[in-house]
Each structure stands twice: as structure tokens, then as C-alpha cells.
Amino acid sequence: MTHVLIIEDEILIALDLAEQLEDHGAFSFAFASSEERAVAAAHERRPDVITCDVTLAQGFGPQAVGKIREAIGPVPTIFVTGAPDAKLLEHQPCVILQKPIDPAALVEAFRAFKR
């Protein structure tokens, strides 16, 4: 029973991620479109896996992940971004996927992290 926090400010992308992950074992989801909301969602229910866009309309995805990990400990993260950056590797365990998303790569990363 894997709970996924999807940090993404584009609703259609967020819903597509959820649909793909649900088909491969994700049980429940929380959605956050801002850094602040992502941190709050992780406090409401600890995610087993996070998918995270880097640039949000309000805030920065990696900063949200850092704050979440400071508060609740390590959470495997799949960064989904149009601008991959090696600095994201500081957030281990993580995988970096470039937009547009390759569904097979997303599923492979998720399967490696899910409980």
C-alpha cells in the first residue's frame, strides 16, 4: 500500500502521473502545487514515494523535498523536470526523469522505490 505525494503545479501532468502509478501499485495520493502545500501534505500523511517537479509556480520542488526529509526522514523521490540538474542527486535516494515523461522509466523508478 504505497502512498505517493505528487508535487506538480500542472494539474494534467499530476493526474497523468497518478494514473500511471496507480496502474503499478500506488494505493493513495496527495497532490501539492506549491512548496508550502507539499510540506503540509507530507506532515498530514507520510509519503512512501514523492514525485516532484523542480520549478513550481510557488516555490521550488527540491526545497520542499529537503524540508520534508528534515521533518520526517528520507523519502525516495522521483524528480520529474524539464531542466535536469546534477544537484538533484543530493536528495538521495532519488531518480531524475526528464519531461516529457517516458512512462516505462517512471514505472521502473516507482517499482524500485515502492513498498
C-alpha atoms as a PDB file:
ATOM      1  CA  MET A   1       0.000   0.000   0.000  1.00  0.00           C
ATOM      2  CA  THR A   2       2.097   2.844  -1.327  1.00  0.00           C
ATOM      3  CA  HIS A   3       1.142   6.461  -0.647  1.00  0.00           C
ATOM      4  CA  VAL A   4       2.567   8.915  -3.203  1.00  0.00           C
ATOM      5  CA  LEU A   5       2.970  12.670  -2.801  1.00  0.00           C
ATOM      6  CA  ILE A   6       2.871  14.311  -6.237  1.00  0.00           C
ATOM      7  CA  ILE A   7       4.427  17.784  -6.205  1.00  0.00           C
ATOM      8  CA  GLU A   8       3.443  19.306  -9.537  1.00  0.00           C
ATOM      9  CA  ASP A   9       1.850  22.634 -10.455  1.00  0.00           C
ATOM     10  CA  GLU A  10       0.396  21.444 -13.766  1.00  0.00           C
ATOM     11  CA  ILE A  11      -2.760  19.509 -12.893  1.00  0.00           C
ATOM     12  CA  LEU A  12      -2.881  17.446 -16.090  1.00  0.00           C
ATOM     13  CA  ILE A  13       0.667  16.225 -15.531  1.00  0.00           C
ATOM     14  CA  ALA A  14      -0.120  15.436 -11.888  1.00  0.00           C
ATOM     15  CA  LEU A  15      -3.205  13.432 -12.843  1.00  0.00           C
ATOM     16  CA  ASP A  16      -1.285  11.583 -15.553  1.00  0.00           C
ATOM     17  CA  LEU A  17       1.452  10.649 -13.069  1.00  0.00           C
ATOM     18  CA  ALA A  18      -1.161   9.393 -10.619  1.00  0.00           C
ATOM     19  CA  GLU A  19      -2.889   7.304 -13.266  1.00  0.00           C
ATOM     20  CA  GLN A  20       0.367   5.703 -14.381  1.00  0.00           C
ATOM     21  CA  LEU A  21       1.466   4.953 -10.815  1.00  0.00           C
ATOM     22  CA  GLU A  22      -1.933   3.637  -9.774  1.00  0.00           C
ATOM     23  CA  ASP A  23      -1.687   1.065 -12.552  1.00  0.00           C
ATOM     24  CA  HIS A  24       1.530  -0.165 -10.917  1.00  0.00           C
ATOM     25  CA  GLY A  25       0.650  -0.355  -7.241  1.00  0.00           C
ATOM     26  CA  ALA A  26       0.228   3.136  -5.829  1.00  0.00           C
ATOM     27  CA  PHE A  27      -2.650   2.971  -3.380  1.00  0.00           C
ATOM     28  CA  SER A  28      -3.257   6.610  -2.468  1.00  0.00           C
ATOM     29  CA  PHE A  29      -2.135  10.076  -3.488  1.00  0.00           C
ATOM     30  CA  ALA A  30      -1.703  13.584  -2.149  1.00  0.00           C
ATOM     31  CA  PHE A  31      -1.279  16.457  -4.605  1.00  0.00           C
ATOM     32  CA  ALA A  32       0.603  19.690  -3.986  1.00  0.00           C
ATOM     33  CA  SER A  33       1.146  22.516  -6.431  1.00  0.00           C
ATOM     34  CA  SER A  34       3.408  24.628  -4.206  1.00  0.00           C
ATOM     35  CA  GLU A  35       6.376  24.153  -1.919  1.00  0.00           C
ATOM     36  CA  GLU A  36       4.339  25.125   1.136  1.00  0.00           C
ATOM     37  CA  ARG A  37       1.475  22.763   0.322  1.00  0.00           C
ATOM     38  CA  ALA A  38       3.892  19.885  -0.343  1.00  0.00           C
ATOM     39  CA  VAL A  39       5.423  20.195   3.120  1.00  0.00           C
ATOM     40  CA  ALA A  40       1.975  20.387   4.705  1.00  0.00           C
ATOM     41  CA  ALA A  41       0.770  17.316   2.772  1.00  0.00           C
ATOM     42  CA  ALA A  42       3.782  15.286   3.932  1.00  0.00           C
ATOM     43  CA  HIS A  43       3.015  16.227   7.538  1.00  0.00           C
ATOM     44  CA  GLU A  44      -0.625  15.197   7.098  1.00  0.00           C
ATOM     45  CA  ARG A  45       0.373  11.750   5.825  1.00  0.00           C
ATOM     46  CA  ARG A  46       3.891  10.451   5.376  1.00  0.00           C
ATOM     47  CA  PRO A  47       4.510   9.584   1.721  1.00  0.00           C
ATOM     48  CA  ASP A  48       6.242   6.358   0.763  1.00  0.00           C
ATOM     49  CA  VAL A  49       7.371   7.919  -2.537  1.00  0.00           C
ATOM     50  CA  ILE A  50       7.467  11.510  -3.806  1.00  0.00           C
ATOM     51  CA  THR A  51       7.291  12.632  -7.415  1.00  0.00           C
ATOM     52  CA  CYS A  52       8.468  16.197  -7.712  1.00  0.00           C
ATOM     53  CA  ASP A  53       8.677  18.854 -10.386  1.00  0.00           C
ATOM     54  CA  VAL A  54      11.645  21.156  -9.871  1.00  0.00           C
ATOM     55  CA  THR A  55      10.210  24.549 -10.767  1.00  0.00           C
ATOM     56  CA  LEU A  56       6.820  25.284  -9.238  1.00  0.00           C
ATOM     57  CA  ALA A  57       4.615  28.334  -9.691  1.00  0.00           C
ATOM     58  CA  GLN A  58       5.100  28.952  -5.950  1.00  0.00           C
ATOM     59  CA  GLY A  59       8.391  27.694  -4.632  1.00  0.00           C
ATOM     60  CA  PHE A  60      10.995  25.174  -5.608  1.00  0.00           C
ATOM     61  CA  GLY A  61      10.418  21.404  -5.560  1.00  0.00           C
ATOM     62  CA  PRO A  62      13.839  20.337  -4.245  1.00  0.00           C
ATOM     63  CA  GLN A  63      13.475  22.769  -1.328  1.00  0.00           C
ATOM     64  CA  ALA A  64      10.145  21.145  -0.469  1.00  0.00           C
ATOM     65  CA  VAL A  65      11.772  17.703  -0.590  1.00  0.00           C
ATOM     66  CA  GLY A  66      14.579  18.936   1.672  1.00  0.00           C
ATOM     67  CA  LYS A  67      12.123  20.319   4.224  1.00  0.00           C
ATOM     68  CA  ILE A  68      10.077  17.117   4.125  1.00  0.00           C
ATOM     69  CA  ARG A  69      13.152  14.968   4.698  1.00  0.00           C
ATOM     70  CA  GLU A  70      14.301  17.187   7.580  1.00  0.00           C
ATOM     71  CA  ALA A  71      10.931  16.709   9.252  1.00  0.00           C
ATOM     72  CA  ILE A  72      10.118  13.052   8.580  1.00  0.00           C
ATOM     73  CA  GLY A  73      13.301  11.406   7.324  1.00  0.00           C
ATOM     74  CA  PRO A  74      14.352  10.052   3.939  1.00  0.00           C
ATOM     75  CA  VAL A  75      11.668   9.515   1.316  1.00  0.00           C
ATOM     76  CA  PRO A  76      12.514   8.095  -2.123  1.00  0.00           C
ATOM     77  CA  THR A  77      11.947  10.816  -4.715  1.00  0.00           C
ATOM     78  CA  ILE A  78      11.390  10.792  -8.459  1.00  0.00           C
ATOM     79  CA  PHE A  79      12.226  14.235  -9.823  1.00  0.00           C
ATOM     80  CA  VAL A  80      10.222  14.990 -12.965  1.00  0.00           C
ATOM     81  CA  THR A  81      11.666  18.041 -14.669  1.00  0.00           C
ATOM     82  CA  GLY A  82      12.179  19.848 -17.918  1.00  0.00           C
ATOM     83  CA  ALA A  83      15.562  21.048 -16.641  1.00  0.00           C
ATOM     84  CA  PRO A  84      17.535  18.145 -15.144  1.00  0.00           C
ATOM     85  CA  ASP A  85      20.336  19.214 -12.836  1.00  0.00           C
ATOM     86  CA  ALA A  86      23.012  17.059 -11.208  1.00  0.00           C
ATOM     87  CA  LYS A  87      22.466  18.958  -7.933  1.00  0.00           C
ATOM     88  CA  LEU A  88      19.236  16.987  -7.554  1.00  0.00           C
ATOM     89  CA  LEU A  89      21.366  13.941  -6.790  1.00  0.00           C
ATOM     90  CA  GLU A  90      21.989  15.468  -3.352  1.00  0.00           C
ATOM     91  CA  HIS A  91      18.485  14.252  -2.486  1.00  0.00           C
ATOM     92  CA  GLN A  92      19.279  10.525  -2.433  1.00  0.00           C
ATOM     93  CA  PRO A  93      17.520   8.199  -2.761  1.00  0.00           C
ATOM     94  CA  CYS A  94      16.268   9.742  -5.984  1.00  0.00           C
ATOM     95  CA  VAL A  95      15.835   9.293  -9.699  1.00  0.00           C
ATOM     96  CA  ILE A  96      15.792  12.169 -12.193  1.00  0.00           C
ATOM     97  CA  LEU A  97      13.430  11.886 -15.164  1.00  0.00           C
ATOM     98  CA  GLN A  98      13.190  14.477 -17.907  1.00  0.00           C
ATOM     99  CA  LYS A  99       9.914  15.809 -19.279  1.00  0.00           C
ATOM    100  CA  PRO A 100       8.214  14.662 -21.379  1.00  0.00           C
ATOM    101  CA  ILE A 101       8.000  11.604 -19.182  1.00  0.00           C
ATOM    102  CA  ASP A 102       8.859   8.196 -20.565  1.00  0.00           C
ATOM    103  CA  PRO A 103       6.165   6.008 -18.938  1.00  0.00           C
ATOM    104  CA  ALA A 104       8.452   2.975 -18.822  1.00  0.00           C
ATOM    105  CA  ALA A 105      11.162   4.950 -16.964  1.00  0.00           C
ATOM    106  CA  LEU A 106       8.588   6.284 -14.490  1.00  0.00           C
ATOM    107  CA  VAL A 107       7.268   2.801 -13.764  1.00  0.00           C
ATOM    108  CA  GLU A 108      10.788   1.398 -13.399  1.00  0.00           C
ATOM    109  CA  ALA A 109      11.734   4.113 -10.887  1.00  0.00           C
ATOM    110  CA  PHE A 110       8.497   3.677  -8.961  1.00  0.00           C
ATOM    111  CA  ARG A 111       8.846  -0.094  -8.753  1.00  0.00           C
ATOM    112  CA  ALA A 112      12.364   0.312  -7.359  1.00  0.00           C
ATOM    113  CA  PHE A 113      11.051   2.566  -4.562  1.00  0.00           C
ATOM    114  CA  LYS A 114       7.564   1.290  -3.703  1.00  0.00           C
ATOM    115  CA  ARG A 115       6.909  -0.670  -0.551  1.00  0.00           C
END
